[in-house]
Amino acid sequence: MTTIELIGGILLLITCVLSVLLCLMQDKNVDQNMTSAITGASNDSFYGKNTGRTKEAMLMKMTRVLLGIFFVVTLLVNILPVYIDF
């Protein structure tokens, strides 16, 4: 196992655990499902209008960033050892 694979594995483990924790920290939006679409329920609230400033929006952004990093590191760990010999 090369150094790049070891570092990549550690990064994968860290990003995976952090993304799972961030997903678990997010609240469930019960009003945003098919039932609310059929019944015409409205999700217009202060938190719905200010989606970029709430705790939920920040958690969602951090989750997206971590999953993007997870995707890139996964590709690098699988592609780099093929082209680089250590």
PDB file of N, CA and C in Angstrom:
ATOM      1  N   MET A   1       0.855  -1.172   0.000  1.00  0.00           N
ATOM      2  CA  MET A   1       0.000   0.000   0.000  1.00  0.00           C
ATOM      3  C   MET A   1       0.899   1.233   0.000  1.00  0.00           C
ATOM      4  N   THR A   2       0.649   2.100  -0.958  1.00  0.00           N
ATOM      5  CA  THR A   2       1.475   3.287  -1.088  1.00  0.00           C
ATOM      6  C   THR A   2       1.003   4.390  -0.144  1.00  0.00           C
ATOM      7  N   THR A   3       1.822   5.409  -0.061  1.00  0.00           N
ATOM      8  CA  THR A   3       1.500   6.533   0.812  1.00  0.00           C
ATOM      9  C   THR A   3       0.253   7.263   0.338  1.00  0.00           C
ATOM     10  N   ILE A   4       0.107   7.417  -0.980  1.00  0.00           N
ATOM     11  CA  ILE A   4      -1.068   8.109  -1.532  1.00  0.00           C
ATOM     12  C   ILE A   4      -2.347   7.336  -1.209  1.00  0.00           C
ATOM     13  N   GLU A   5      -2.283   6.014  -1.315  1.00  0.00           N
ATOM     14  CA  GLU A   5      -3.458   5.207  -0.991  1.00  0.00           C
ATOM     15  C   GLU A   5      -3.803   5.294   0.495  1.00  0.00           C
ATOM     16  N   LEU A   6      -2.785   5.349   1.342  1.00  0.00           N
ATOM     17  CA  LEU A   6      -3.014   5.445   2.774  1.00  0.00           C
ATOM     18  C   LEU A   6      -3.631   6.795   3.140  1.00  0.00           C
ATOM     19  N   ILE A   7      -3.078   7.871   2.611  1.00  0.00           N
ATOM     20  CA  ILE A   7      -3.629   9.207   2.866  1.00  0.00           C
ATOM     21  C   ILE A   7      -5.039   9.316   2.291  1.00  0.00           C
ATOM     22  N   GLY A   8      -5.240   8.790   1.086  1.00  0.00           N
ATOM     23  CA  GLY A   8      -6.573   8.810   0.475  1.00  0.00           C
ATOM     24  C   GLY A   8      -7.583   8.025   1.288  1.00  0.00           C
ATOM     25  N   GLY A   9      -7.174   6.880   1.815  1.00  0.00           N
ATOM     26  CA  GLY A   9      -8.074   6.082   2.650  1.00  0.00           C
ATOM     27  C   GLY A   9      -8.466   6.799   3.921  1.00  0.00           C
ATOM     28  N   ILE A  10      -7.501   7.479   4.528  1.00  0.00           N
ATOM     29  CA  ILE A  10      -7.801   8.242   5.742  1.00  0.00           C
ATOM     30  C   ILE A  10      -8.758   9.388   5.423  1.00  0.00           C
ATOM     31  N   LEU A  11      -8.513  10.097   4.301  1.00  0.00           N
ATOM     32  CA  LEU A  11      -9.418  11.181   3.896  1.00  0.00           C
ATOM     33  C   LEU A  11     -10.818  10.657   3.594  1.00  0.00           C
ATOM     34  N   LEU A  12     -10.893   9.503   2.951  1.00  0.00           N
ATOM     35  CA  LEU A  12     -12.208   8.902   2.670  1.00  0.00           C
ATOM     36  C   LEU A  12     -12.950   8.575   3.958  1.00  0.00           C
ATOM     37  N   LEU A  13     -12.241   8.022   4.911  1.00  0.00           N
ATOM     38  CA  LEU A  13     -12.868   7.665   6.173  1.00  0.00           C
ATOM     39  C   LEU A  13     -13.369   8.903   6.913  1.00  0.00           C
ATOM     40  N   ILE A  14     -12.557   9.939   6.954  1.00  0.00           N
ATOM     41  CA  ILE A  14     -12.944  11.164   7.653  1.00  0.00           C
ATOM     42  C   ILE A  14     -14.142  11.826   6.977  1.00  0.00           C
ATOM     43  N   THR A  15     -14.099  11.965   5.644  1.00  0.00           N
ATOM     44  CA  THR A  15     -15.211  12.618   4.949  1.00  0.00           C
ATOM     45  C   THR A  15     -16.488  11.795   5.044  1.00  0.00           C
ATOM     46  N   CYS A  16     -16.360  10.483   5.028  1.00  0.00           N
ATOM     47  CA  CYS A  16     -17.536   9.625   5.138  1.00  0.00           C
ATOM     48  C   CYS A  16     -18.195   9.772   6.505  1.00  0.00           C
ATOM     49  N   VAL A  17     -17.409   9.731   7.561  1.00  0.00           N
ATOM     50  CA  VAL A  17     -17.964   9.845   8.912  1.00  0.00           C
ATOM     51  C   VAL A  17     -18.574  11.234   9.123  1.00  0.00           C
ATOM     52  N   LEU A  18     -17.875  12.289   8.669  1.00  0.00           N
ATOM     53  CA  LEU A  18     -18.407  13.640   8.829  1.00  0.00           C
ATOM     54  C   LEU A  18     -19.692  13.845   8.031  1.00  0.00           C
ATOM     55  N   SER A  19     -19.768  13.302   6.826  1.00  0.00           N
ATOM     56  CA  SER A  19     -20.985  13.479   6.033  1.00  0.00           C
ATOM     57  C   SER A  19     -22.162  12.727   6.656  1.00  0.00           C
ATOM     58  N   VAL A  20     -21.920  11.563   7.229  1.00  0.00           N
ATOM     59  CA  VAL A  20     -22.994  10.834   7.911  1.00  0.00           C
ATOM     60  C   VAL A  20     -23.470  11.623   9.127  1.00  0.00           C
ATOM     61  N   LEU A  21     -22.533  12.176   9.894  1.00  0.00           N
ATOM     62  CA  LEU A  21     -22.915  12.969  11.064  1.00  0.00           C
ATOM     63  C   LEU A  21     -23.696  14.221  10.657  1.00  0.00           C
ATOM     64  N   LEU A  22     -23.272  14.881   9.577  1.00  0.00           N
ATOM     65  CA  LEU A  22     -24.002  16.060   9.118  1.00  0.00           C
ATOM     66  C   LEU A  22     -25.399  15.700   8.637  1.00  0.00           C
ATOM     67  N   CYS A  23     -25.541  14.573   7.971  1.00  0.00           N
ATOM     68  CA  CYS A  23     -26.879  14.147   7.529  1.00  0.00           C
ATOM     69  C   CYS A  23     -27.782  13.837   8.721  1.00  0.00           C
ATOM     70  N   LEU A  24     -27.210  13.262   9.759  1.00  0.00           N
ATOM     71  CA  LEU A  24     -28.007  12.950  10.943  1.00  0.00           C
ATOM     72  C   LEU A  24     -28.380  14.199  11.726  1.00  0.00           C
ATOM     73  N   MET A  25     -27.578  15.268  11.636  1.00  0.00           N
ATOM     74  CA  MET A  25     -27.863  16.502  12.358  1.00  0.00           C
ATOM     75  C   MET A  25     -28.976  17.317  11.713  1.00  0.00           C
ATOM     76  N   GLN A  26     -29.269  17.057  10.435  1.00  0.00           N
ATOM     77  CA  GLN A  26     -30.276  17.842   9.738  1.00  0.00           C
ATOM     78  C   GLN A  26     -31.674  17.446  10.192  1.00  0.00           C
ATOM     79  N   ASP A  27     -32.554  18.450  10.255  1.00  0.00           N
ATOM     80  CA  ASP A  27     -33.945  18.193  10.616  1.00  0.00           C
ATOM     81  C   ASP A  27     -34.693  17.627   9.424  1.00  0.00           C
ATOM     82  N   LYS A  28     -35.713  16.858   9.736  1.00  0.00           N
ATOM     83  CA  LYS A  28     -36.554  16.312   8.679  1.00  0.00           C
ATOM     84  C   LYS A  28     -37.644  17.320   8.364  1.00  0.00           C
ATOM     85  N   ASN A  29     -37.796  17.646   7.095  1.00  0.00           N
ATOM     86  CA  ASN A  29     -38.855  18.564   6.670  1.00  0.00           C
ATOM     87  C   ASN A  29     -40.079  17.743   6.312  1.00  0.00           C
ATOM     88  N   VAL A  30     -41.015  17.657   7.242  1.00  0.00           N
ATOM     89  CA  VAL A  30     -42.205  16.843   7.045  1.00  0.00           C
ATOM     90  C   VAL A  30     -43.143  17.485   6.033  1.00  0.00           C
ATOM     91  N   ASP A  31     -43.162  18.808   5.957  1.00  0.00           N
ATOM     92  CA  ASP A  31     -44.102  19.504   5.079  1.00  0.00           C
ATOM     93  C   ASP A  31     -43.702  19.468   3.608  1.00  0.00           C
ATOM     94  N   GLN A  32     -42.522  19.006   3.292  1.00  0.00           N
ATOM     95  CA  GLN A  32     -42.073  19.015   1.902  1.00  0.00           C
ATOM     96  C   GLN A  32     -42.136  17.610   1.321  1.00  0.00           C
ATOM     97  N   ASN A  33     -43.320  17.082   1.187  1.00  0.00           N
ATOM     98  CA  ASN A  33     -43.502  15.769   0.598  1.00  0.00           C
ATOM     99  C   ASN A  33     -44.692  15.813  -0.358  1.00  0.00           C
ATOM    100  N   MET A  34     -45.072  14.686  -0.879  1.00  0.00           N
ATOM    101  CA  MET A  34     -46.157  14.631  -1.857  1.00  0.00           C
ATOM    102  C   MET A  34     -47.505  15.023  -1.236  1.00  0.00           C
ATOM    103  N   THR A  35     -47.712  14.725   0.021  1.00  0.00           N
ATOM    104  CA  THR A  35     -48.971  15.086   0.665  1.00  0.00           C
ATOM    105  C   THR A  35     -49.155  16.594   0.702  1.00  0.00           C
ATOM    106  N   SER A  36     -48.083  17.325   0.989  1.00  0.00           N
ATOM    107  CA  SER A  36     -48.200  18.781   1.016  1.00  0.00           C
ATOM    108  C   SER A  36     -48.392  19.333  -0.392  1.00  0.00           C
ATOM    109  N   ALA A  37     -47.859  18.663  -1.392  1.00  0.00           N
ATOM    110  CA  ALA A  37     -48.067  19.111  -2.769  1.00  0.00           C
ATOM    111  C   ALA A  37     -49.521  18.893  -3.202  1.00  0.00           C
ATOM    112  N   ILE A  38     -50.109  17.793  -2.788  1.00  0.00           N
ATOM    113  CA  ILE A  38     -51.493  17.491  -3.168  1.00  0.00           C
ATOM    114  C   ILE A  38     -52.475  18.377  -2.407  1.00  0.00           C
ATOM    115  N   THR A  39     -52.221  18.570  -1.114  1.00  0.00           N
ATOM    116  CA  THR A  39     -53.151  19.347  -0.302  1.00  0.00           C
ATOM    117  C   THR A  39     -52.945  20.848  -0.422  1.00  0.00           C
ATOM    118  N   GLY A  40     -51.856  21.268  -1.033  1.00  0.00           N
ATOM    119  CA  GLY A  40     -51.603  22.689  -1.212  1.00  0.00           C
ATOM    120  C   GLY A  40     -51.020  23.363   0.001  1.00  0.00           C
ATOM    121  N   ALA A  41     -50.355  22.602   0.838  1.00  0.00           N
ATOM    122  CA  ALA A  41     -49.730  23.182   2.024  1.00  0.00           C
ATOM    123  C   ALA A  41     -48.614  24.129   1.596  1.00  0.00           C
ATOM    124  N   SER A  42     -48.479  25.181   2.314  1.00  0.00           N
ATOM    125  CA  SER A  42     -47.484  26.194   1.969  1.00  0.00           C
ATOM    126  C   SER A  42     -46.281  26.086   2.884  1.00  0.00           C
ATOM    127  N   ASN A  43     -45.105  26.231   2.305  1.00  0.00           N
ATOM    128  CA  ASN A  43     -43.874  26.203   3.076  1.00  0.00           C
ATOM    129  C   ASN A  43     -43.259  27.591   3.172  1.00  0.00           C
ATOM    130  N   ASP A  44     -44.070  28.629   2.999  1.00  0.00           N
ATOM    131  CA  ASP A  44     -43.562  29.993   3.067  1.00  0.00           C
ATOM    132  C   ASP A  44     -43.454  30.416   4.522  1.00  0.00           C
ATOM    133  N   SER A  45     -42.271  30.368   5.027  1.00  0.00           N
ATOM    134  CA  SER A  45     -42.012  30.826   6.384  1.00  0.00           C
ATOM    135  C   SER A  45     -40.727  31.638   6.363  1.00  0.00           C
ATOM    136  N   PHE A  46     -40.363  32.150   7.490  1.00  0.00           N
ATOM    137  CA  PHE A  46     -39.120  32.910   7.577  1.00  0.00           C
ATOM    138  C   PHE A  46     -37.935  32.042   7.195  1.00  0.00           C
ATOM    139  N   TYR A  47     -37.935  30.814   7.677  1.00  0.00           N
ATOM    140  CA  TYR A  47     -36.820  29.921   7.392  1.00  0.00           C
ATOM    141  C   TYR A  47     -36.827  29.463   5.937  1.00  0.00           C
ATOM    142  N   GLY A  48     -37.985  29.356   5.328  1.00  0.00           N
ATOM    143  CA  GLY A  48     -38.053  28.977   3.931  1.00  0.00           C
ATOM    144  C   GLY A  48     -37.573  30.076   3.006  1.00  0.00           C
ATOM    145  N   LYS A  49     -37.801  31.324   3.401  1.00  0.00           N
ATOM    146  CA  LYS A  49     -37.385  32.443   2.558  1.00  0.00           C
ATOM    147  C   LYS A  49     -35.907  32.762   2.719  1.00  0.00           C
ATOM    148  N   ASN A  50     -35.346  32.537   3.888  1.00  0.00           N
ATOM    149  CA  ASN A  50     -33.940  32.825   4.151  1.00  0.00           C
ATOM    150  C   ASN A  50     -33.142  31.524   4.194  1.00  0.00           C
ATOM    151  N   THR A  51     -33.152  30.796   3.101  1.00  0.00           N
ATOM    152  CA  THR A  51     -32.546  29.467   3.099  1.00  0.00           C
ATOM    153  C   THR A  51     -31.032  29.500   3.184  1.00  0.00           C
ATOM    154  N   GLY A  52     -30.396  30.593   2.839  1.00  0.00           N
ATOM    155  CA  GLY A  52     -28.946  30.631   2.874  1.00  0.00           C
ATOM    156  C   GLY A  52     -28.371  30.976   4.226  1.00  0.00           C
ATOM    157  N   ARG A  53     -29.197  31.392   5.179  1.00  0.00           N
ATOM    158  CA  ARG A  53     -28.686  31.891   6.455  1.00  0.00           C
ATOM    159  C   ARG A  53     -29.018  31.020   7.651  1.00  0.00           C
ATOM    160  N   THR A  54     -29.823  30.020   7.469  1.00  0.00           N
ATOM    161  CA  THR A  54     -30.239  29.206   8.600  1.00  0.00           C
ATOM    162  C   THR A  54     -29.228  28.101   8.873  1.00  0.00           C
ATOM    163  N   LYS A  55     -29.389  27.476  10.025  1.00  0.00           N
ATOM    164  CA  LYS A  55     -28.520  26.363  10.399  1.00  0.00           C
ATOM    165  C   LYS A  55     -28.698  25.197   9.429  1.00  0.00           C
ATOM    166  N   GLU A  56     -29.940  24.973   9.026  1.00  0.00           N
ATOM    167  CA  GLU A  56     -30.218  23.881   8.093  1.00  0.00           C
ATOM    168  C   GLU A  56     -29.528  24.093   6.752  1.00  0.00           C
ATOM    169  N   ALA A  57     -29.551  25.335   6.265  1.00  0.00           N
ATOM    170  CA  ALA A  57     -28.911  25.622   4.985  1.00  0.00           C
ATOM    171  C   ALA A  57     -27.403  25.441   5.076  1.00  0.00           C
ATOM    172  N   MET A  58     -26.823  25.846   6.192  1.00  0.00           N
ATOM    173  CA  MET A  58     -25.383  25.668   6.366  1.00  0.00           C
ATOM    174  C   MET A  58     -25.015  24.193   6.449  1.00  0.00           C
ATOM    175  N   LEU A  59     -25.838  23.404   7.139  1.00  0.00           N
ATOM    176  CA  LEU A  59     -25.583  21.965   7.215  1.00  0.00           C
ATOM    177  C   LEU A  59     -25.689  21.313   5.847  1.00  0.00           C
ATOM    178  N   MET A  60     -26.668  21.768   5.054  1.00  0.00           N
ATOM    179  CA  MET A  60     -26.842  21.209   3.724  1.00  0.00           C
ATOM    180  C   MET A  60     -25.658  21.555   2.821  1.00  0.00           C
ATOM    181  N   LYS A  61     -25.171  22.802   2.917  1.00  0.00           N
ATOM    182  CA  LYS A  61     -24.015  23.211   2.116  1.00  0.00           C
ATOM    183  C   LYS A  61     -22.769  22.431   2.515  1.00  0.00           C
ATOM    184  N   MET A  62     -22.559  22.268   3.817  1.00  0.00           N
ATOM    185  CA  MET A  62     -21.391  21.525   4.280  1.00  0.00           C
ATOM    186  C   MET A  62     -21.472  20.061   3.851  1.00  0.00           C
ATOM    187  N   THR A  63     -22.671  19.497   3.849  1.00  0.00           N
ATOM    188  CA  THR A  63     -22.853  18.116   3.404  1.00  0.00           C
ATOM    189  C   THR A  63     -22.523  17.982   1.927  1.00  0.00           C
ATOM    190  N   ARG A  64     -22.972  18.932   1.123  1.00  0.00           N
ATOM    191  CA  ARG A  64     -22.665  18.893  -0.310  1.00  0.00           C
ATOM    192  C   ARG A  64     -21.171  19.005  -0.570  1.00  0.00           C
ATOM    193  N   VAL A  65     -20.504  19.888   0.159  1.00  0.00           N
ATOM    194  CA  VAL A  65     -19.062  20.056  -0.013  1.00  0.00           C
ATOM    195  C   VAL A  65     -18.319  18.789   0.389  1.00  0.00           C
ATOM    196  N   LEU A  66     -18.680  18.212   1.531  1.00  0.00           N
ATOM    197  CA  LEU A  66     -18.021  16.990   1.978  1.00  0.00           C
ATOM    198  C   LEU A  66     -18.247  15.830   1.015  1.00  0.00           C
ATOM    199  N   LEU A  67     -19.446  15.715   0.480  1.00  0.00           N
ATOM    200  CA  LEU A  67     -19.702  14.633  -0.470  1.00  0.00           C
ATOM    201  C   LEU A  67     -18.979  14.871  -1.792  1.00  0.00           C
ATOM    202  N   GLY A  68     -18.798  16.124  -2.181  1.00  0.00           N
ATOM    203  CA  GLY A  68     -17.979  16.437  -3.351  1.00  0.00           C
ATOM    204  C   GLY A  68     -16.528  16.055  -3.139  1.00  0.00           C
ATOM    205  N   ILE A  69     -16.005  16.367  -1.948  1.00  0.00           N
ATOM    206  CA  ILE A  69     -14.634  15.973  -1.609  1.00  0.00           C
ATOM    207  C   ILE A  69     -14.509  14.455  -1.583  1.00  0.00           C
ATOM    208  N   PHE A  70     -15.510  13.788  -1.025  1.00  0.00           N
ATOM    209  CA  PHE A  70     -15.515  12.317  -0.995  1.00  0.00           C
ATOM    210  C   PHE A  70     -15.453  11.737  -2.403  1.00  0.00           C
ATOM    211  N   PHE A  71     -16.234  12.301  -3.312  1.00  0.00           N
ATOM    212  CA  PHE A  71     -16.255  11.829  -4.697  1.00  0.00           C
ATOM    213  C   PHE A  71     -14.897  12.024  -5.370  1.00  0.00           C
ATOM    214  N   VAL A  72     -14.299  13.195  -5.207  1.00  0.00           N
ATOM    215  CA  VAL A  72     -13.010  13.497  -5.846  1.00  0.00           C
ATOM    216  C   VAL A  72     -11.900  12.623  -5.267  1.00  0.00           C
ATOM    217  N   VAL A  73     -11.865  12.464  -3.951  1.00  0.00           N
ATOM    218  CA  VAL A  73     -10.825  11.643  -3.329  1.00  0.00           C
ATOM    219  C   VAL A  73     -10.982  10.184  -3.745  1.00  0.00           C
ATOM    220  N   THR A  74     -12.203   9.708  -3.864  1.00  0.00           N
ATOM    221  CA  THR A  74     -12.432   8.337  -4.318  1.00  0.00           C
ATOM    222  C   THR A  74     -11.880   8.128  -5.718  1.00  0.00           C
ATOM    223  N   LEU A  75     -12.123   9.082  -6.605  1.00  0.00           N
ATOM    224  CA  LEU A  75     -11.580   8.979  -7.957  1.00  0.00           C
ATOM    225  C   LEU A  75     -10.052   9.023  -7.946  1.00  0.00           C
ATOM    226  N   LEU A  76      -9.479   9.921  -7.162  1.00  0.00           N
ATOM    227  CA  LEU A  76      -8.025  10.041  -7.113  1.00  0.00           C
ATOM    228  C   LEU A  76      -7.362   8.787  -6.551  1.00  0.00           C
ATOM    229  N   VAL A  77      -7.954   8.207  -5.515  1.00  0.00           N
ATOM    230  CA  VAL A  77      -7.376   7.007  -4.919  1.00  0.00           C
ATOM    231  C   VAL A  77      -7.390   5.849  -5.914  1.00  0.00           C
ATOM    232  N   ASN A  78      -8.396   5.794  -6.755  1.00  0.00           N
ATOM    233  CA  ASN A  78      -8.489   4.703  -7.716  1.00  0.00           C
ATOM    234  C   ASN A  78      -7.717   4.958  -9.005  1.00  0.00           C
ATOM    235  N   ILE A  79      -7.502   6.207  -9.383  1.00  0.00           N
ATOM    236  CA  ILE A  79      -6.848   6.516 -10.662  1.00  0.00           C
ATOM    237  C   ILE A  79      -5.346   6.742 -10.507  1.00  0.00           C
ATOM    238  N   LEU A  80      -4.926   7.455  -9.473  1.00  0.00           N
ATOM    239  CA  LEU A  80      -3.512   7.807  -9.330  1.00  0.00           C
ATOM    240  C   LEU A  80      -2.564   6.608  -9.250  1.00  0.00           C
ATOM    241  N   PRO A  81      -2.858   5.565  -8.496  1.00  0.00           N
ATOM    242  CA  PRO A  81      -1.909   4.440  -8.442  1.00  0.00           C
ATOM    243  C   PRO A  81      -1.686   3.750  -9.784  1.00  0.00           C
ATOM    244  N   VAL A  82      -2.609   3.875 -10.705  1.00  0.00           N
ATOM    245  CA  VAL A  82      -2.442   3.267 -12.019  1.00  0.00           C
ATOM    246  C   VAL A  82      -1.358   3.990 -12.819  1.00  0.00           C
ATOM    247  N   TYR A  83      -1.307   5.324 -12.695  1.00  0.00           N
ATOM    248  CA  TYR A  83      -0.382   6.117 -13.493  1.00  0.00           C
ATOM    249  C   TYR A  83       0.914   6.464 -12.776  1.00  0.00           C
ATOM    250  N   ILE A  84       0.945   6.366 -11.462  1.00  0.00           N
ATOM    251  CA  ILE A  84       2.135   6.727 -10.701  1.00  0.00           C
ATOM    252  C   ILE A  84       2.629   5.498  -9.952  1.00  0.00           C
ATOM    253  N   ASP A  85       3.872   5.124 -10.186  1.00  0.00           N
ATOM    254  CA  ASP A  85       4.481   4.008  -9.451  1.00  0.00           C
ATOM    255  C   ASP A  85       5.385   4.547  -8.355  1.00  0.00           C
ATOM    256  N   PHE A  86       5.185   4.041  -7.151  1.00  0.00           N
ATOM    257  CA  PHE A  86       6.041   4.428  -6.034  1.00  0.00           C
ATOM    258  C   PHE A  86       6.824   3.246  -5.568  1.00  0.00           C
TER     259      PHE A  86
END
